[in-house]
Amino acid sequence: MAIANDSRPQPGVGAPGNYTILQHGQQCAQEIGPVPAFSCLDGEVIPITQGDIPVPDGQHAPNQRCDRPPLLGLGLSSTQGQCVPYSRVGTLPGRNAQGAPDPNIQWAFICRRYMVRSNANDPRFEDVALIGHNKATGATCFFQALKYQQGQDLAFDATRVPPPAEPAALTPAGKPKAADFWLKPQQTANIGCNRCHDSGAFIHTPHVDQVTRLVDGHPIPIVSADPNLKATPAEPSRYRFVGTPFQAWPEPVRMRPLGNVCTSCHNIGVYETCSRFAKNSTGLQRPNGITDYGWSWPRSHWMPPDTEVAGMTQAQWDQVYQTSLNKIVQCCGNVGDASCRRKPFDP
């Protein structure tokens, strides 16, 4: 998950509340589906490249730059930078509460490293985040594990990440229990994941979307796709938060200005998408840690995602998209503009 600030908040911030990780896990299992135990090493390594060439093993260094840095400000960014190698992203099987396969159920995890380590298969990670989403109902669950202190080398052994709904008695001996691994739900809610995840459950950036799988011979990002708003009829966009502490988050809202080519493709939220992502993705605001190569055309304009494939020039991009982008920027700065058509997600 992502947050609005440039560095991660300390995991102990905020009142823990009485709603436990086991209760949250069980509620999410009912509304979305069960989560199996998994290993962070089951995920795919997110590449760190310079000039589209992977940085060789053993040659990574603190504060190196890369072509596609994460947009999330990492907790040790002052000493290790944005381009720490060997983070991993993966998905889990989508099954309903009865355990049957369900294409509407989507689970994605990301295991982040905040320290430069020499071994891609080192099981230590400072940050494990898990998101579950039910496309049919919009139900969405956030789980977060953090283990770091500024300037110190602390990490989880993430070879077995416990299911949030797993009772302690069922956890194998010697492995971390859910209540010890995951933050309390109130602590996760205090992070404010909804600020970055404002356009839907999953965020697509060049950093994460480097990891793909082949579908009908074509590389498709491993993280679940957004609803197809150009389908006939358009796929519904349902998005709501599960769990008592998360009800304090504002209801998700998207902008829908008429005749806008940006919102004809995907939802645009009104928090961090407005503050950063709309600008990061269209050459208006340079992300931290990016190389000059990564910030040059067409990589500086990764929305729409097929810009580079289509072989557009920047002048052609401006002709097609600049007016719509200007409207998005205007709407982000003017909450009261009725023409921006701020609306909740579909019921």
Protein backbone atom coordinates (compact mmCIF):
# COMPACT_ATOMS: atom_id res chain seq x y z
CA MET A 1 0.00 0.00 0.00
CA ALA A 2 1.09 3.58 -0.28
CA ILE A 3 0.89 6.70 1.85
CA ALA A 4 0.70 10.40 1.20
CA ASN A 5 3.89 11.42 2.99
CA ASP A 6 7.50 11.12 1.85
CA SER A 7 8.37 8.63 4.60
CA ARG A 8 6.55 5.85 6.36
CA PRO A 9 4.93 6.71 9.72
CA GLN A 10 6.17 4.74 12.68
CA PRO A 11 4.01 1.62 13.17
CA GLY A 12 3.21 2.40 16.79
CA VAL A 13 1.35 5.64 16.02
CA GLY A 14 -2.29 5.84 17.12
CA ALA A 15 -4.58 4.04 19.53
CA PRO A 16 -4.68 0.31 18.80
CA GLY A 17 -8.44 -0.09 19.37
CA ASN A 18 -10.20 -3.29 20.34
CA TYR A 19 -10.68 -4.69 16.81
CA THR A 20 -8.03 -7.37 16.45
CA ILE A 21 -6.11 -8.59 13.43
CA LEU A 22 -7.86 -11.96 13.80
CA GLN A 23 -11.28 -10.28 13.69
CA HIS A 24 -10.26 -8.23 10.68
CA GLY A 25 -8.86 -11.28 8.92
CA GLN A 26 -12.03 -13.25 9.56
CA GLN A 27 -14.28 -10.42 8.35
CA CYS A 28 -12.19 -10.02 5.19
CA ALA A 29 -12.29 -13.78 4.60
CA GLN A 30 -16.08 -13.61 4.68
CA GLU A 31 -16.43 -10.54 2.45
CA ILE A 32 -13.60 -11.25 0.03
CA GLY A 33 -12.16 -14.71 0.58
CA PRO A 34 -9.54 -16.61 2.56
CA VAL A 35 -5.84 -15.78 2.45
CA PRO A 36 -3.35 -18.66 2.41
CA ALA A 37 0.03 -18.50 4.07
CA PHE A 38 2.67 -17.35 1.59
CA SER A 39 6.33 -16.47 1.32
CA CYS A 40 7.54 -13.09 0.14
CA LEU A 41 10.10 -15.03 -1.90
CA ASP A 42 7.18 -16.42 -3.93
CA GLY A 43 6.76 -12.93 -5.40
CA GLU A 44 8.61 -11.69 -8.47
CA VAL A 45 11.57 -9.35 -8.03
CA ILE A 46 10.79 -5.78 -9.09
CA PRO A 47 13.61 -4.75 -11.47
CA ILE A 48 15.94 -1.86 -10.71
CA THR A 49 17.27 -0.50 -14.01
CA GLN A 50 19.40 2.37 -15.26
CA GLY A 51 18.95 3.17 -18.93
CA ASP A 52 16.71 0.08 -19.11
CA ILE A 53 19.68 -2.10 -18.09
CA PRO A 54 19.28 -4.01 -14.81
CA VAL A 55 21.81 -2.99 -12.17
CA PRO A 56 24.00 -6.11 -11.74
CA ASP A 57 23.86 -8.09 -8.52
CA GLY A 58 26.47 -6.84 -6.10
CA GLN A 59 26.62 -3.37 -7.66
CA HIS A 60 23.64 -1.78 -5.92
CA ALA A 61 24.44 1.14 -3.65
CA PRO A 62 22.53 3.40 -1.26
CA ASN A 63 20.96 6.42 -2.94
CA GLN A 64 21.37 5.03 -6.43
CA ARG A 65 18.89 6.31 -9.00
CA CYS A 66 16.74 4.14 -11.22
CA ASP A 67 14.41 4.46 -14.21
CA ARG A 68 11.21 3.48 -12.40
CA PRO A 69 11.44 4.20 -8.67
CA PRO A 70 8.54 3.49 -6.31
CA LEU A 71 6.36 6.51 -5.71
CA LEU A 72 6.00 5.54 -2.06
CA GLY A 73 8.51 7.39 0.09
CA LEU A 74 10.49 4.69 1.88
CA GLY A 75 11.14 4.96 5.59
CA LEU A 76 14.92 4.93 5.24
CA SER A 77 15.02 7.11 2.14
CA SER A 78 17.44 9.54 3.79
CA THR A 79 20.14 6.83 3.91
CA GLN A 80 19.16 4.18 1.36
CA GLY A 81 17.21 6.04 -1.34
CA GLN A 82 14.18 5.13 -3.44
CA CYS A 83 15.82 2.44 -5.57
CA VAL A 84 16.53 -0.30 -3.03
CA PRO A 85 16.78 -3.62 -4.90
CA TYR A 86 14.98 -6.95 -4.58
CA SER A 87 11.52 -5.88 -3.44
CA ARG A 88 8.93 -8.38 -4.64
CA VAL A 89 5.31 -8.32 -5.80
CA GLY A 90 2.91 -11.21 -6.21
CA THR A 91 -0.69 -12.34 -6.23
CA LEU A 92 -2.61 -15.00 -4.32
CA PRO A 93 -5.41 -17.31 -5.54
CA GLY A 94 -8.86 -15.76 -5.59
CA ARG A 95 -11.29 -17.96 -3.70
CA ASN A 96 -14.61 -17.11 -2.10
CA ALA A 97 -15.59 -17.73 1.51
CA GLN A 98 -16.49 -21.32 0.61
CA GLY A 99 -13.05 -21.89 -0.91
CA ALA A 100 -14.21 -22.09 -4.54
CA PRO A 101 -12.25 -20.22 -7.26
CA ASP A 102 -13.81 -16.82 -7.96
CA PRO A 103 -12.53 -14.46 -10.70
CA ASN A 104 -13.94 -11.48 -8.79
CA ILE A 105 -11.56 -12.06 -5.87
CA GLN A 106 -8.18 -10.31 -6.19
CA TRP A 107 -5.28 -10.46 -3.74
CA ALA A 108 -1.93 -8.73 -4.27
CA PHE A 109 1.07 -8.43 -1.98
CA ILE A 110 4.22 -6.38 -2.08
CA CYS A 111 7.28 -7.05 0.08
CA ARG A 112 9.55 -4.03 0.26
CA ARG A 113 13.17 -3.75 1.22
CA TYR A 114 14.39 -0.52 2.78
CA MET A 115 18.01 -1.67 3.13
CA VAL A 116 20.37 -2.50 0.26
CA ARG A 117 21.13 -6.23 0.58
CA SER A 118 23.41 -8.27 -1.63
CA ASN A 119 21.25 -11.38 -2.00
CA ALA A 120 18.01 -11.36 -3.98
CA ASN A 121 16.86 -14.41 -2.02
CA ASP A 122 17.51 -12.92 1.42
CA PRO A 123 14.21 -13.59 3.27
CA ARG A 124 14.36 -10.30 5.21
CA PHE A 125 11.92 -7.52 4.34
CA GLU A 126 11.08 -4.36 6.28
CA ASP A 127 7.57 -3.91 4.86
CA VAL A 128 4.88 -6.40 3.83
CA ALA A 129 1.55 -5.13 2.50
CA LEU A 130 -1.45 -7.16 1.38
CA ILE A 131 -4.62 -5.92 -0.34
CA GLY A 132 -7.75 -7.94 -1.07
CA HIS A 133 -10.55 -6.74 -3.34
CA ASN A 134 -13.89 -8.19 -4.46
CA LYS A 135 -14.79 -6.66 -7.83
CA ALA A 136 -18.41 -7.73 -7.52
CA THR A 137 -19.06 -5.98 -4.21
CA GLY A 138 -16.21 -3.48 -3.95
CA ALA A 139 -15.17 -4.87 -0.55
CA THR A 140 -11.48 -4.06 0.03
CA CYS A 141 -9.15 -5.01 2.88
CA PHE A 142 -5.75 -3.62 3.77
CA PHE A 143 -3.12 -5.41 5.86
CA GLN A 144 0.26 -3.96 6.75
CA ALA A 145 3.40 -5.19 8.49
CA LEU A 146 6.27 -2.79 9.22
CA LYS A 147 9.50 -3.44 11.05
CA TYR A 148 12.07 -0.72 11.01
CA GLN A 149 13.49 2.17 12.97
CA GLN A 150 15.17 5.09 11.32
CA GLY A 151 18.79 4.19 10.58
CA GLN A 152 18.63 0.65 11.97
CA ASP A 153 18.77 -2.65 10.11
CA LEU A 154 15.59 -4.39 11.27
CA ALA A 155 13.49 -6.72 9.16
CA PHE A 156 11.03 -9.63 9.10
CA ASP A 157 11.93 -13.14 8.07
CA ALA A 158 9.08 -13.33 5.56
CA THR A 159 9.50 -16.95 4.45
CA ARG A 160 6.08 -17.61 5.99
CA VAL A 161 3.64 -14.72 6.10
CA PRO A 162 0.75 -15.82 8.33
CA PRO A 163 -2.85 -15.47 7.10
CA PRO A 164 -4.47 -12.61 9.07
CA ALA A 165 -7.36 -14.92 10.02
CA GLU A 166 -5.13 -17.73 11.27
CA PRO A 167 -5.67 -18.51 14.99
CA ALA A 168 -2.44 -18.66 16.95
CA ALA A 169 -3.01 -22.34 17.75
CA LEU A 170 -2.84 -23.20 14.04
CA THR A 171 0.43 -21.38 13.36
CA PRO A 172 3.33 -23.83 12.88
CA ALA A 173 5.86 -23.92 15.68
CA GLY A 174 8.63 -21.39 15.27
CA LYS A 175 6.74 -19.28 12.74
CA PRO A 176 5.32 -15.79 13.42
CA LYS A 177 1.73 -15.56 14.55
CA ALA A 178 -0.67 -13.20 12.81
CA ALA A 179 -0.99 -10.92 15.84
CA ASP A 180 2.81 -10.61 16.04
CA PHE A 181 3.40 -10.15 12.32
CA TRP A 182 0.65 -7.77 11.17
CA LEU A 183 -0.03 -4.32 12.56
CA LYS A 184 -3.26 -3.95 14.50
CA PRO A 185 -6.07 -2.82 12.17
CA GLN A 186 -6.25 0.58 13.88
CA GLN A 187 -2.54 1.11 13.28
CA THR A 188 -2.96 0.25 9.61
CA ALA A 189 -5.94 2.59 9.36
CA ASN A 190 -3.80 5.35 10.90
CA ILE A 191 -1.33 5.04 8.01
CA GLY A 192 -4.02 6.32 5.64
CA CYS A 193 -3.65 3.83 2.79
CA ASN A 194 -6.79 5.34 1.23
CA ARG A 195 -4.91 8.55 0.49
CA CYS A 196 -2.81 6.88 -2.21
CA HIS A 197 -5.29 4.13 -3.04
CA ASP A 198 -7.88 6.76 -3.95
CA SER A 199 -8.62 5.67 -7.52
CA GLY A 200 -9.29 2.05 -6.61
CA ALA A 201 -7.86 -0.82 -4.63
CA PHE A 202 -4.66 -1.19 -6.67
CA ILE A 203 -2.13 1.38 -7.85
CA HIS A 204 -0.42 0.95 -11.21
CA THR A 205 2.95 2.66 -11.68
CA PRO A 206 5.94 1.87 -13.91
CA HIS A 207 7.71 0.51 -10.82
CA VAL A 208 5.19 -2.27 -10.11
CA ASP A 209 3.99 -2.82 -13.67
CA GLN A 210 7.46 -3.95 -14.75
CA VAL A 211 6.42 -7.32 -13.32
CA THR A 212 4.23 -9.05 -15.89
CA ARG A 213 2.81 -12.41 -16.87
CA LEU A 214 1.99 -13.64 -20.37
CA VAL A 215 -1.70 -13.70 -21.28
CA ASP A 216 -2.45 -14.90 -24.83
CA GLY A 217 1.16 -14.18 -25.69
CA HIS A 218 1.09 -10.60 -24.40
CA PRO A 219 2.82 -9.30 -21.22
CA ILE A 220 0.20 -8.10 -18.73
CA PRO A 221 1.03 -6.45 -15.37
CA ILE A 222 0.77 -8.96 -12.55
CA VAL A 223 -1.25 -6.56 -10.37
CA SER A 224 -4.96 -6.77 -11.17
CA ALA A 225 -6.21 -4.47 -13.92
CA ASP A 226 -8.50 -1.52 -13.30
CA PRO A 227 -12.13 -1.74 -14.47
CA ASN A 228 -12.51 -1.29 -18.22
CA LEU A 229 -14.51 1.92 -18.48
CA LYS A 230 -14.47 1.72 -22.29
CA ALA A 231 -16.23 -1.63 -22.36
CA THR A 232 -19.83 -1.69 -23.60
CA PRO A 233 -21.32 -1.49 -21.09
CA ALA A 234 -18.54 -0.16 -18.90
CA GLU A 235 -17.39 -2.50 -16.15
CA PRO A 236 -18.71 -1.32 -12.78
CA SER A 237 -16.26 0.39 -10.41
CA ARG A 238 -17.09 -0.68 -6.89
CA TYR A 239 -14.82 0.25 -3.99
CA ARG A 240 -15.46 0.28 -0.25
CA PHE A 241 -13.48 -0.42 2.90
CA VAL A 242 -13.96 -3.40 5.23
CA GLY A 243 -13.28 -3.30 8.97
CA THR A 244 -14.30 -1.09 11.87
CA PRO A 245 -11.25 1.25 12.00
CA PHE A 246 -11.39 1.79 8.25
CA GLN A 247 -14.88 3.26 8.40
CA ALA A 248 -13.25 6.49 9.60
CA TRP A 249 -11.69 6.87 6.16
CA PRO A 250 -13.74 9.13 3.86
CA GLU A 251 -15.90 7.39 1.28
CA PRO A 252 -13.87 6.96 -1.93
CA VAL A 253 -14.64 9.68 -4.48
CA ARG A 254 -13.61 10.00 -8.13
CA MET A 255 -13.92 12.87 -10.60
CA ARG A 256 -15.86 12.41 -13.82
CA PRO A 257 -15.66 15.59 -15.98
CA LEU A 258 -17.57 15.11 -19.22
CA GLY A 259 -15.63 14.61 -22.44
CA ASN A 260 -12.35 13.96 -20.63
CA VAL A 261 -10.15 11.35 -22.28
CA CYS A 262 -8.36 10.58 -18.99
CA THR A 263 -11.51 9.66 -17.08
CA SER A 264 -12.92 7.81 -20.07
CA CYS A 265 -10.28 5.14 -19.42
CA HIS A 266 -9.94 4.94 -15.65
CA ASN A 267 -11.00 6.41 -12.34
CA ILE A 268 -9.14 9.39 -10.93
CA GLY A 269 -9.27 9.84 -7.18
CA VAL A 270 -9.11 13.15 -5.39
CA TYR A 271 -6.29 12.70 -2.84
CA GLU A 272 -2.76 11.62 -3.77
CA THR A 273 -3.74 11.11 -7.40
CA CYS A 274 -4.41 14.83 -7.43
CA SER A 275 -1.41 15.77 -5.30
CA ARG A 276 1.20 13.67 -7.09
CA PHE A 277 0.24 10.79 -9.33
CA ALA A 278 -1.52 12.78 -12.07
CA LYS A 279 1.58 14.97 -12.27
CA ASN A 280 4.16 12.16 -11.90
CA SER A 281 2.55 10.30 -14.79
CA THR A 282 2.36 13.19 -17.25
CA GLY A 283 5.74 14.92 -16.98
CA LEU A 284 4.60 17.65 -14.59
CA GLN A 285 6.33 16.51 -11.38
CA ARG A 286 9.55 14.54 -11.21
CA PRO A 287 9.48 11.53 -8.85
CA ASN A 288 12.23 11.19 -6.25
CA GLY A 289 15.15 8.98 -7.22
CA ILE A 290 14.47 8.78 -10.97
CA THR A 291 17.25 8.81 -13.56
CA ASP A 292 17.39 11.42 -16.31
CA TYR A 293 16.66 8.56 -18.71
CA GLY A 294 13.55 7.59 -16.76
CA TRP A 295 12.37 11.20 -16.77
CA SER A 296 12.85 11.69 -20.52
CA TRP A 297 10.16 11.26 -23.17
CA PRO A 298 8.26 8.93 -23.48
CA ARG A 299 8.96 7.40 -20.05
CA SER A 300 8.10 10.71 -18.35
CA HIS A 301 4.53 10.35 -19.68
CA TRP A 302 3.41 6.88 -18.62
CA MET A 303 -0.26 7.74 -18.83
CA PRO A 304 -1.86 6.44 -20.90
CA PRO A 305 0.17 3.24 -20.37
CA ASP A 306 0.54 2.50 -24.09
CA THR A 307 2.22 5.83 -24.97
CA GLU A 308 5.63 4.28 -25.61
CA VAL A 309 4.21 1.30 -27.47
CA ALA A 310 2.13 3.57 -29.69
CA GLY A 311 5.23 5.49 -30.73
CA MET A 312 3.66 8.91 -30.15
CA THR A 313 5.75 12.06 -30.21
CA GLN A 314 5.40 14.46 -27.33
CA ALA A 315 3.66 16.94 -29.64
CA GLN A 316 1.13 14.27 -30.56
CA TRP A 317 0.59 13.44 -26.88
CA ASP A 318 0.01 17.11 -26.10
CA GLN A 319 -2.51 17.41 -28.91
CA VAL A 320 -4.54 14.42 -27.71
CA TYR A 321 -4.25 14.65 -23.93
CA GLN A 322 -3.12 18.10 -22.78
CA THR A 323 -6.59 19.68 -22.62
CA SER A 324 -7.93 16.77 -20.57
CA LEU A 325 -4.88 16.89 -18.28
CA ASN A 326 -5.39 20.63 -17.76
CA LYS A 327 -8.97 19.92 -16.69
CA ILE A 328 -7.83 17.27 -14.21
CA VAL A 329 -5.29 19.66 -12.68
CA GLN A 330 -7.94 22.37 -12.48
CA CYS A 331 -10.39 19.99 -10.80
CA CYS A 332 -7.77 18.90 -8.32
CA GLY A 333 -7.33 22.49 -7.24
CA ASN A 334 -11.00 23.45 -7.13
CA VAL A 335 -13.15 21.18 -5.00
CA GLY A 336 -16.29 23.21 -5.62
CA ASP A 337 -16.21 23.12 -9.44
CA ALA A 338 -19.44 21.33 -10.41
CA SER A 339 -18.11 20.54 -13.89
CA CYS A 340 -15.58 18.17 -12.30
CA ARG A 341 -18.47 15.90 -11.27
CA ARG A 342 -17.01 14.43 -8.09
CA LYS A 343 -18.91 11.20 -7.51
CA PRO A 344 -18.78 8.13 -5.28
CA PHE A 345 -17.91 4.80 -6.82
CA ASP A 346 -20.66 2.54 -8.15
CA PRO A 347 -23.04 0.99 -5.57
